[in-house]
């Protein structure tokens, strides 16, 4: 009797190695078929970035090849998941459909709909957590509530990881990454019975994997983007970044190197974690290995800081899971009444990188050109939009999502609410001075000159401070606002908000 066939539905887990849902399926049966559905609702989203579609398509290309190497195939469909996943399951004769859970409101609603349709047809469903080191339901305050503050969350999160580190394999509840499945059994579409064969014939299959351009998303910044698509590239970037924490890898100098946008001091793995070409357990394992090999206190501090960045990612993910309303508005209710000015001319200048403030414009040009922005600069430009231009942070959130290769609802929303002071942050008001930030983190104006080549001739001090003479501007705009004046204005508006 042939083994029971399972269908594994990929979403934001575009890899075979250390994929917990896939590992569970392969442990149950060698007859596993992969599935990815190009969802028109996601493709039609006005905030869908061409850079993300490029990363997705190139990662799917590699994923399909890895399925072939493992002995099976990746079935690629285009259409509504609620209809196509059950149809695909019946077409391949799957007894079970497995997938990894999501935290986003749309994904959770979609998954409930798909699961109900499958169960109504007698097809079993198996779901796992894969995209987080600690599942949202597993981390609570002493009172049983979700965490709203990062510091206590970090302590609980670390304690759980330390307790699980002795368990071993992730499939058994530990942290050690799981190997990719092999020796899988492919299906033979020509041997399907009549009814499944008819369903198979009607599936909207994409026989060749599309490029981003084929889907209407042209992206010209692939060569400039530090995030590289595919499972192999993600593992290569992780190895180069971690490098044992001792042999010159950026992880060994992550603190303070992560703060200087002109240097290659970060991992470049944000899109890999967003799309799941890299698992958080693989990232954690690399950090643990680097910690064991570290030869200096400075390296240990740097590794610890990177681990904290992984925790920030998980904090925002669990926050969105428990508080889905964050996707639509501020966490702090008083911010619903803030009198935003929302000047469309100023917003356009910010989006296009023509505010007259070099560090702001360099960062926005980097985003527009490469699909990515250094995290320090994300904080600087967010503070500027909200607290200098007095524009609702949600405009910035949407602008980022429409451009970022690593655009992730939880991380992007959490970051913007942090910058706007409207989110889960015990510090109520935080304002960045762009010139002071540039002086501290781009002291030679290396980053500014790279992304604003028209100002390469300007003296470093003038580039940092933005005090550029009309003759030297050569068409580059004057600052559209005064930071000092706008800071005072923002503080006055903030003081008028209701307390509590």
Protein backbone atom coordinates (compact mmCIF):
# COMPACT_ATOMS: atom_id res chain seq x y z
CA UNK A 1 0.00 0.00 0.00
CA UNK A 2 1.49 3.41 -0.97
CA UNK A 3 2.28 5.85 1.83
CA UNK A 4 -0.21 8.55 2.74
CA UNK A 5 0.39 11.76 0.80
CA UNK A 6 0.71 15.10 2.54
CA UNK A 7 0.65 18.58 1.02
CA UNK A 8 2.92 21.19 2.59
CA UNK A 9 1.84 24.80 2.01
CA UNK A 10 4.72 27.31 2.01
CA UNK A 11 4.10 30.95 2.87
CA UNK A 12 6.86 32.81 4.75
CA UNK A 13 9.08 29.74 5.14
CA UNK A 14 10.73 29.47 1.71
CA UNK A 15 13.32 26.82 2.61
CA UNK A 16 13.61 23.08 3.16
CA UNK A 17 16.18 23.06 5.97
CA UNK A 18 14.94 23.68 9.52
CA UNK A 19 11.35 24.09 8.42
CA UNK A 20 9.40 22.66 11.37
CA UNK A 21 6.09 22.16 9.58
CA UNK A 22 7.80 20.46 6.65
CA UNK A 23 9.96 18.36 8.98
CA UNK A 24 6.83 17.11 10.74
CA UNK A 25 5.25 16.20 7.41
CA UNK A 26 8.37 14.36 6.21
CA UNK A 27 8.56 12.49 9.52
CA UNK A 28 5.02 11.23 8.98
CA UNK A 29 5.41 10.18 5.33
CA UNK A 30 7.95 10.41 2.49
CA UNK A 31 5.11 11.28 0.11
CA UNK A 32 5.11 15.06 0.54
CA UNK A 33 4.31 17.61 -2.17
CA UNK A 34 5.14 21.29 -1.79
CA UNK A 35 2.69 24.09 -2.55
CA UNK A 36 2.94 27.86 -2.92
CA UNK A 37 -0.03 30.04 -3.90
CA UNK A 38 0.49 33.48 -5.41
CA UNK A 39 -2.35 35.28 -3.65
CA UNK A 40 -3.94 38.06 -5.77
CA UNK A 41 -4.95 39.94 -2.62
CA UNK A 42 -1.29 40.28 -1.67
CA UNK A 43 -0.12 41.08 -5.19
CA UNK A 44 -2.80 43.78 -5.51
CA UNK A 45 -1.87 45.49 -2.24
CA UNK A 46 -0.92 49.13 -3.02
CA UNK A 47 1.86 48.81 -0.45
CA UNK A 48 3.43 45.78 -2.13
CA UNK A 49 7.06 46.64 -2.91
CA UNK A 50 8.65 45.54 -6.20
CA UNK A 51 11.74 44.62 -4.18
CA UNK A 52 9.73 42.09 -2.16
CA UNK A 53 8.26 40.51 -5.27
CA UNK A 54 11.78 40.21 -6.71
CA UNK A 55 13.02 38.55 -3.53
CA UNK A 56 9.98 36.24 -3.47
CA UNK A 57 10.25 35.14 -7.10
CA UNK A 58 13.98 34.46 -6.93
CA UNK A 59 13.57 32.55 -3.67
CA UNK A 60 10.76 30.46 -5.16
CA UNK A 61 13.00 29.61 -8.11
CA UNK A 62 15.58 28.11 -5.78
CA UNK A 63 12.92 26.49 -3.58
CA UNK A 64 11.46 24.61 -6.57
CA UNK A 65 14.90 23.24 -7.42
CA UNK A 66 15.43 22.11 -3.83
CA UNK A 67 12.15 20.23 -3.92
CA UNK A 68 13.31 18.46 -7.08
CA UNK A 69 16.61 17.57 -5.46
CA UNK A 70 14.73 16.17 -2.45
CA UNK A 71 12.76 13.88 -4.77
CA UNK A 72 9.43 15.69 -4.99
CA UNK A 73 8.07 18.92 -6.46
CA UNK A 74 6.81 22.41 -5.59
CA UNK A 75 3.36 23.05 -6.99
CA UNK A 76 2.99 26.75 -7.82
CA UNK A 77 -0.53 28.14 -8.22
CA UNK A 78 -1.97 31.59 -8.72
CA UNK A 79 -5.33 32.48 -7.23
CA UNK A 80 -7.38 32.53 -4.03
CA UNK A 81 -5.81 30.25 -1.38
CA UNK A 82 -9.21 29.49 0.20
CA UNK A 83 -10.28 27.81 -3.05
CA UNK A 84 -6.98 26.53 -4.39
CA UNK A 85 -5.46 24.85 -1.34
CA UNK A 86 -8.45 22.47 -0.90
CA UNK A 87 -8.55 21.87 -4.67
CA UNK A 88 -4.84 21.10 -4.77
CA UNK A 89 -5.17 18.77 -1.80
CA UNK A 90 -7.92 16.79 -3.53
CA UNK A 91 -6.02 16.78 -6.82
CA UNK A 92 -2.92 15.18 -5.31
CA UNK A 93 -4.91 12.89 -3.04
CA UNK A 94 -3.54 14.48 0.14
CA UNK A 95 -4.84 13.14 3.41
CA UNK A 96 -3.23 16.02 5.33
CA UNK A 97 -2.30 19.62 4.54
CA UNK A 98 0.39 21.10 6.76
CA UNK A 99 1.66 24.64 7.15
CA UNK A 100 3.38 26.99 9.58
CA UNK A 101 1.32 29.57 11.43
CA UNK A 102 1.29 33.34 10.81
CA UNK A 103 0.88 36.29 13.16
CA UNK A 104 -0.65 38.81 10.75
CA UNK A 105 -4.42 39.45 10.83
CA UNK A 106 -4.92 38.74 7.12
CA UNK A 107 -2.89 35.53 7.25
CA UNK A 108 -4.66 34.24 10.33
CA UNK A 109 -8.11 34.89 8.82
CA UNK A 110 -7.05 33.23 5.54
CA UNK A 111 -5.71 30.20 7.39
CA UNK A 112 -8.92 29.75 9.37
CA UNK A 113 -10.89 29.84 6.13
CA UNK A 114 -8.60 27.31 4.43
CA UNK A 115 -8.61 24.99 7.45
CA UNK A 116 -12.42 25.03 7.64
CA UNK A 117 -12.72 24.20 3.94
CA UNK A 118 -10.24 21.33 4.22
CA UNK A 119 -11.88 19.82 7.29
CA UNK A 120 -15.29 20.05 5.62
CA UNK A 121 -13.89 17.78 2.91
CA UNK A 122 -12.43 15.30 5.39
CA UNK A 123 -8.82 16.44 4.92
CA UNK A 124 -6.78 16.75 8.09
CA UNK A 125 -4.86 19.91 8.96
CA UNK A 126 -1.57 20.14 10.84
CA UNK A 127 -0.05 23.49 11.81
CA UNK A 128 3.18 24.42 13.58
CA UNK A 129 4.99 27.54 14.76
CA UNK A 130 8.17 28.09 12.75
CA UNK A 131 8.90 31.79 12.28
CA UNK A 132 9.56 32.49 15.98
CA UNK A 133 11.89 31.04 18.57
CA UNK A 134 9.15 31.35 21.20
CA UNK A 135 5.51 31.02 20.17
CA UNK A 136 3.25 33.96 21.12
CA UNK A 137 1.03 31.81 23.35
CA UNK A 138 4.10 30.52 25.21
CA UNK A 139 5.36 33.84 26.55
CA UNK A 140 3.26 35.69 29.11
CA UNK A 141 3.68 37.96 32.11
CA UNK A 142 3.31 36.58 35.64
CA UNK A 143 -0.34 37.64 35.45
CA UNK A 144 -0.89 35.65 32.28
CA UNK A 145 -1.06 38.71 30.00
CA UNK A 146 0.85 39.36 26.76
CA UNK A 147 3.93 41.52 27.17
CA UNK A 148 3.61 45.20 26.35
CA UNK A 149 7.15 46.25 27.30
CA UNK A 150 10.30 44.91 25.67
CA UNK A 151 12.59 44.66 28.72
CA UNK A 152 10.53 42.12 30.71
CA UNK A 153 9.73 40.29 27.48
CA UNK A 154 13.46 39.95 26.74
CA UNK A 155 14.18 38.44 30.15
CA UNK A 156 11.41 35.84 29.84
CA UNK A 157 12.35 35.10 26.22
CA UNK A 158 16.01 34.53 27.10
CA UNK A 159 15.10 32.31 30.05
CA UNK A 160 12.94 30.13 27.82
CA UNK A 161 15.68 29.79 25.22
CA UNK A 162 18.25 28.87 27.85
CA UNK A 163 15.92 26.19 29.21
CA UNK A 164 15.33 24.77 25.74
CA UNK A 165 18.99 24.82 24.70
CA UNK A 166 19.58 21.49 26.50
CA UNK A 167 16.69 19.76 24.70
CA UNK A 168 18.51 19.52 21.39
CA UNK A 169 16.62 19.13 18.12
CA UNK A 170 14.02 21.78 17.30
CA UNK A 171 11.56 19.08 16.26
CA UNK A 172 11.59 17.91 19.88
CA UNK A 173 11.15 21.39 21.31
CA UNK A 174 14.83 22.36 21.38
CA UNK A 175 16.74 24.90 19.33
CA UNK A 176 19.08 22.79 17.19
CA UNK A 177 18.10 23.28 13.51
CA UNK A 178 16.51 20.33 11.71
CA UNK A 179 18.01 18.93 8.51
CA UNK A 180 16.20 19.32 5.20
CA UNK A 181 14.11 16.29 4.17
CA UNK A 182 15.47 13.99 1.49
CA UNK A 183 14.34 10.89 -0.41
CA UNK A 184 10.81 12.23 -0.75
CA UNK A 185 8.35 10.51 -3.07
CA UNK A 186 6.92 12.59 -5.91
CA UNK A 187 3.39 12.19 -7.22
CA UNK A 188 2.69 10.99 -10.76
CA UNK A 189 0.00 13.21 -12.28
CA UNK A 190 -0.48 10.77 -15.18
CA UNK A 191 -1.48 8.05 -12.75
CA UNK A 192 -4.14 9.99 -10.87
CA UNK A 193 -7.68 8.56 -10.73
CA UNK A 194 -10.31 10.26 -12.85
CA UNK A 195 -11.71 12.74 -10.32
CA UNK A 196 -8.33 13.97 -8.97
CA UNK A 197 -7.00 14.07 -12.53
CA UNK A 198 -9.81 16.44 -13.49
CA UNK A 199 -9.05 18.67 -10.52
CA UNK A 200 -5.35 18.60 -11.41
CA UNK A 201 -6.11 19.66 -14.97
CA UNK A 202 -8.14 22.62 -13.75
CA UNK A 203 -5.52 23.88 -11.28
CA UNK A 204 -4.16 27.31 -12.34
CA UNK A 205 -0.59 26.00 -12.33
CA UNK A 206 2.38 28.13 -13.27
CA UNK A 207 4.58 25.69 -15.16
CA UNK A 208 7.46 28.16 -15.21
CA UNK A 209 8.35 30.35 -12.28
CA UNK A 210 7.68 34.00 -13.08
CA UNK A 211 10.12 36.85 -12.64
CA UNK A 212 9.02 39.97 -10.79
CA UNK A 213 8.56 41.76 -14.13
CA UNK A 214 6.15 39.05 -15.28
CA UNK A 215 3.93 39.89 -12.31
CA UNK A 216 4.05 43.62 -13.05
CA UNK A 217 6.73 44.51 -10.48
CA UNK A 218 9.91 45.80 -12.10
CA UNK A 219 12.78 46.20 -9.63
CA UNK A 220 16.02 47.78 -10.83
CA UNK A 221 17.89 47.71 -7.52
CA UNK A 222 18.82 44.03 -7.26
CA UNK A 223 22.56 44.70 -7.54
CA UNK A 224 22.42 47.34 -4.78
CA UNK A 225 20.20 45.44 -2.37
CA UNK A 226 22.17 43.82 0.49
CA UNK A 227 19.45 41.19 1.00
CA UNK A 228 20.03 38.19 -1.27
CA UNK A 229 17.15 35.84 -2.16
CA UNK A 230 17.13 32.11 -1.62
CA UNK A 231 18.03 29.62 1.07
CA UNK A 232 21.64 29.14 -0.04
CA UNK A 233 22.35 32.86 -0.12
CA UNK A 234 20.82 33.31 3.34
CA UNK A 235 23.04 30.62 4.84
CA UNK A 236 26.05 32.11 3.08
CA UNK A 237 25.31 35.57 4.41
CA UNK A 238 24.78 34.20 7.91
CA UNK A 239 28.11 32.36 7.83
CA UNK A 240 29.95 35.44 6.56
CA UNK A 241 28.32 37.66 9.17
CA UNK A 242 28.83 35.35 12.16
CA UNK A 243 32.21 33.90 11.17
CA UNK A 244 32.64 32.37 14.60
CA UNK A 245 32.49 35.83 16.18
CA UNK A 246 36.28 35.98 16.03
CA UNK A 247 37.65 36.09 12.49
CA UNK A 248 36.53 39.46 11.28
CA UNK A 249 32.85 38.76 10.73
CA UNK A 250 30.60 41.76 11.35
CA UNK A 251 28.98 39.99 14.29
CA UNK A 252 32.18 40.31 16.34
CA UNK A 253 31.94 44.11 16.00
CA UNK A 254 28.16 44.40 15.77
CA UNK A 255 28.16 46.80 18.71
CA UNK A 256 28.79 49.58 17.80
CA UNK A 257 29.25 48.70 14.10
CA UNK A 258 25.50 48.22 13.53
CA UNK A 259 24.93 51.95 14.02
CA UNK A 260 27.13 53.27 11.20
CA UNK A 261 25.24 53.23 7.89
CA UNK A 262 28.37 53.89 5.87
CA UNK A 263 29.88 50.57 7.01
CA UNK A 264 28.86 46.97 6.35
CA UNK A 265 28.12 46.36 10.02
CA UNK A 266 24.79 44.52 9.83
CA UNK A 267 23.82 41.02 8.70
CA UNK A 268 21.68 41.88 5.67
CA UNK A 269 19.38 39.03 6.75
CA UNK A 270 16.17 40.97 7.44
CA UNK A 271 14.48 39.86 4.21
CA UNK A 272 15.67 36.27 4.72
CA UNK A 273 13.96 36.22 8.11
CA UNK A 274 10.86 37.91 6.71
CA UNK A 275 10.45 35.38 3.89
CA UNK A 276 11.83 32.46 5.85
CA UNK A 277 14.74 31.62 3.57
CA UNK A 278 16.48 31.56 6.96
CA UNK A 279 14.93 30.31 10.18
CA UNK A 280 15.29 32.10 13.52
CA UNK A 281 16.77 28.89 14.93
CA UNK A 282 19.52 28.96 12.32
CA UNK A 283 20.26 32.58 13.27
CA UNK A 284 20.24 31.70 16.97
CA UNK A 285 22.50 28.68 16.42
CA UNK A 286 25.01 30.88 14.59
CA UNK A 287 25.00 33.33 17.49
CA UNK A 288 25.48 30.50 19.99
CA UNK A 289 28.41 29.08 18.00
CA UNK A 290 29.97 32.53 17.78
CA UNK A 291 29.57 32.99 21.52
CA UNK A 292 31.43 29.72 22.21
CA UNK A 293 34.35 30.81 20.02
CA UNK A 294 34.52 34.45 21.06
CA UNK A 295 37.91 35.60 22.33
CA UNK A 296 37.05 39.01 23.75
CA UNK A 297 34.48 40.72 25.92
CA UNK A 298 33.75 43.08 23.04
CA UNK A 299 32.76 40.15 20.82
CA UNK A 300 30.51 38.72 23.52
CA UNK A 301 28.79 42.08 23.94
CA UNK A 302 28.26 42.33 20.18
CA UNK A 303 26.78 38.84 19.98
CA UNK A 304 24.45 39.66 22.88
CA UNK A 305 23.25 42.81 21.15
CA UNK A 306 22.45 40.88 17.96
CA UNK A 307 20.51 38.35 20.02
CA UNK A 308 18.56 41.27 21.47
CA UNK A 309 17.73 42.38 17.93
CA UNK A 310 16.29 38.92 17.27
CA UNK A 311 14.25 39.42 20.45
CA UNK A 312 12.95 42.79 19.18
CA UNK A 313 11.74 41.00 16.05
CA UNK A 314 9.89 38.46 18.18
CA UNK A 315 8.51 41.13 20.51
CA UNK A 316 6.85 42.92 17.61
CA UNK A 317 5.56 39.63 16.15
CA UNK A 318 3.94 38.56 19.42
CA UNK A 319 2.54 42.07 19.90
CA UNK A 320 0.77 41.94 16.54
CA UNK A 321 -0.49 38.43 17.29
CA UNK A 322 -2.06 39.49 20.60
CA UNK A 323 -3.05 43.02 19.54
CA UNK A 324 -4.06 42.83 15.85
CA UNK A 325 -5.52 46.33 16.11
CA UNK A 326 -1.93 47.62 15.94
CA UNK A 327 -2.11 47.08 12.19
CA UNK A 328 -4.66 49.90 11.91
CA UNK A 329 -3.78 52.47 14.54
CA UNK A 330 -1.74 53.54 17.55
CA UNK A 331 -1.32 51.41 20.64
CA UNK A 332 -1.62 54.49 22.89
CA UNK A 333 -5.21 55.74 22.50
CA UNK A 334 -4.38 59.41 23.06
CA UNK A 335 -2.47 59.40 19.75
CA UNK A 336 -5.76 58.95 17.91
CA UNK A 337 -6.41 62.62 18.69
CA UNK A 338 -3.05 64.06 17.61
CA UNK A 339 -3.55 67.10 15.33
CA UNK A 340 -1.32 66.00 12.45
CA UNK A 341 -0.58 68.64 9.81
CA UNK A 342 -0.03 66.11 6.98
CA UNK A 343 1.29 68.60 4.44
CA UNK A 344 1.29 66.67 1.12
CA UNK A 345 4.13 68.75 -0.32
CA UNK A 346 6.37 67.98 2.65
CA UNK A 347 5.38 64.32 2.54
CA UNK A 348 6.34 64.13 -1.14
CA UNK A 349 9.69 65.81 -0.45
CA UNK A 350 10.39 63.28 2.30
CA UNK A 351 9.42 60.30 0.13
CA UNK A 352 11.55 61.50 -2.79
CA UNK A 353 14.61 62.45 -0.74
CA UNK A 354 14.42 66.22 -1.30
CA UNK A 355 13.94 67.64 2.19
CA UNK A 356 17.21 69.57 2.15
CA UNK A 357 18.53 67.55 5.11
CA UNK A 358 21.35 65.38 3.72
CA UNK A 359 21.14 62.41 6.11
CA UNK A 360 17.36 62.20 5.57
CA UNK A 361 17.61 62.44 1.81
CA UNK A 362 20.50 59.98 1.59
CA UNK A 363 18.48 57.41 3.52
CA UNK A 364 15.36 57.87 1.40
CA UNK A 365 17.42 57.63 -1.79
CA UNK A 366 18.96 54.40 -0.51
CA UNK A 367 15.47 53.03 0.11
CA UNK A 368 14.16 54.07 -3.30
CA UNK A 369 17.21 52.76 -5.14
CA UNK A 370 18.03 49.54 -3.31
CA UNK A 371 14.78 48.52 -1.61
CA UNK A 372 16.52 48.60 1.78
CA UNK A 373 17.52 51.15 4.41
CA UNK A 374 19.98 50.89 7.28
CA UNK A 375 18.15 50.54 10.60
CA UNK A 376 19.78 53.58 12.20
CA UNK A 377 18.55 55.63 9.26
CA UNK A 378 15.06 54.16 9.55
CA UNK A 379 14.88 55.66 13.03
CA UNK A 380 16.26 59.02 11.89
CA UNK A 381 13.90 59.46 8.92
CA UNK A 382 10.90 58.24 10.93
CA UNK A 383 11.54 60.75 13.69
CA UNK A 384 11.96 63.48 11.08
CA UNK A 385 8.67 62.70 9.33
CA UNK A 386 6.67 62.54 12.54
CA UNK A 387 8.34 65.15 14.73
CA UNK A 388 9.82 67.63 12.25
CA UNK A 389 7.24 67.48 9.47
CA UNK A 390 4.37 66.61 11.87
CA UNK A 391 2.98 63.99 9.51
CA UNK A 392 1.01 60.98 10.73
CA UNK A 393 3.39 58.03 11.16
CA UNK A 394 1.01 55.81 9.19
CA UNK A 395 1.97 57.68 6.01
CA UNK A 396 5.57 56.72 6.69
CA UNK A 397 4.63 53.15 7.52
CA UNK A 398 2.86 52.80 4.16
CA UNK A 399 5.71 54.47 2.28
CA UNK A 400 8.20 52.04 3.78
CA UNK A 401 6.06 48.99 3.01
CA UNK A 402 5.74 50.12 -0.60
CA UNK A 403 9.53 50.08 -0.98
CA UNK A 404 11.18 47.72 1.52
CA UNK A 405 12.52 44.33 0.44
CA UNK A 406 12.17 43.24 4.07
CA UNK A 407 8.82 44.91 4.64
CA UNK A 408 7.17 43.00 7.47
CA UNK A 409 3.93 44.25 9.00
CA UNK A 410 4.88 43.51 12.61
CA UNK A 411 8.43 44.89 12.43
CA UNK A 412 7.55 47.91 10.29
CA UNK A 413 4.54 48.85 12.39
CA UNK A 414 6.46 48.31 15.62
CA UNK A 415 9.36 50.41 14.44
CA UNK A 416 7.16 53.26 13.31
CA UNK A 417 5.14 53.27 16.52
CA UNK A 418 8.42 53.26 18.49
CA UNK A 419 9.60 56.30 16.54
CA UNK A 420 6.25 58.06 16.81
CA UNK A 421 6.02 57.38 20.58
CA UNK A 422 2.57 55.91 19.97
CA UNK A 423 3.48 52.29 20.65
CA UNK A 424 4.54 49.91 23.40
CA UNK A 425 7.36 52.01 24.78
CA UNK A 426 7.78 53.27 28.35
CA UNK A 427 9.56 56.40 27.08
CA UNK A 428 6.72 58.68 25.94
CA UNK A 429 8.61 61.10 23.70
CA UNK A 430 11.75 60.64 21.64
CA UNK A 431 13.00 63.19 19.09
CA UNK A 432 16.12 62.69 16.95
CA UNK A 433 18.15 65.66 15.77
CA UNK A 434 19.16 64.72 12.19
CA UNK A 435 22.41 66.71 12.25
CA UNK A 436 23.44 65.26 15.62
CA UNK A 437 22.66 61.75 14.39
CA UNK A 438 24.70 62.30 11.22
CA UNK A 439 27.63 63.69 13.21
CA UNK A 440 27.63 60.68 15.52
CA UNK A 441 26.98 57.88 13.06
CA UNK A 442 28.26 59.20 9.71
CA UNK A 443 31.13 61.42 10.91
CA UNK A 444 32.96 61.41 7.56
CA UNK A 445 29.71 61.73 5.58
CA UNK A 446 30.59 58.49 3.78
CA UNK A 447 26.97 57.37 3.68
CA UNK A 448 25.64 60.77 2.68
CA UNK A 449 28.09 61.08 -0.23
CA UNK A 450 27.29 57.59 -1.48
CA UNK A 451 23.58 58.24 -1.83
CA UNK A 452 23.75 61.98 -2.61
CA UNK A 453 26.54 62.06 -5.20
CA UNK A 454 25.46 65.56 -6.29
CA UNK A 455 26.81 66.78 -2.93
CA UNK A 456 30.12 64.88 -3.01
CA UNK A 457 32.03 68.16 -3.39
CA UNK A 458 30.59 69.70 -0.19
CA UNK A 459 32.74 69.84 2.94
CA UNK A 460 32.04 67.10 5.47
CA UNK A 461 30.98 69.43 8.27
CA UNK A 462 28.51 71.18 5.97
CA UNK A 463 27.10 67.87 4.73
CA UNK A 464 26.52 66.66 8.27
CA UNK A 465 24.99 69.88 9.53
CA UNK A 466 23.10 70.67 6.34
CA UNK A 467 24.53 74.19 6.23
CA UNK A 468 25.27 74.25 2.51
CA UNK A 469 25.75 77.51 0.64
CA UNK A 470 23.44 78.30 -2.29
CA UNK A 471 26.40 78.10 -4.68
CA UNK A 472 27.32 74.62 -3.50
CA UNK A 473 23.77 73.31 -3.55
CA UNK A 474 23.68 73.12 -7.36
CA UNK A 475 19.94 72.47 -7.34
CA UNK A 476 19.81 70.58 -4.07
CA UNK A 477 16.96 72.12 -2.01
CA UNK A 478 17.13 74.28 1.09
CA UNK A 479 15.79 72.56 4.23
CA UNK A 480 12.00 72.57 4.03
CA UNK A 481 11.64 73.10 7.81
CA UNK A 482 13.74 74.21 10.77
CA UNK A 483 14.40 71.34 13.17
CA UNK A 484 14.58 73.66 16.16
CA UNK A 485 11.27 75.36 15.38
CA UNK A 486 9.45 72.16 14.48
CA UNK A 487 10.71 70.38 17.58
CA UNK A 488 9.20 73.10 19.74
CA UNK A 489 5.96 72.99 17.77
CA UNK A 490 5.69 69.22 18.06
CA UNK A 491 6.29 69.31 21.80
CA UNK A 492 3.51 71.87 22.20
CA UNK A 493 1.09 69.73 20.18
CA UNK A 494 2.08 66.66 22.16
CA UNK A 495 1.48 68.49 25.44
CA UNK A 496 -2.11 69.12 24.34
CA UNK A 497 -2.90 65.41 24.09
CA UNK A 498 -5.14 63.87 26.74
CA UNK A 499 -3.14 62.11 29.43
CA UNK A 500 -3.41 58.42 30.30
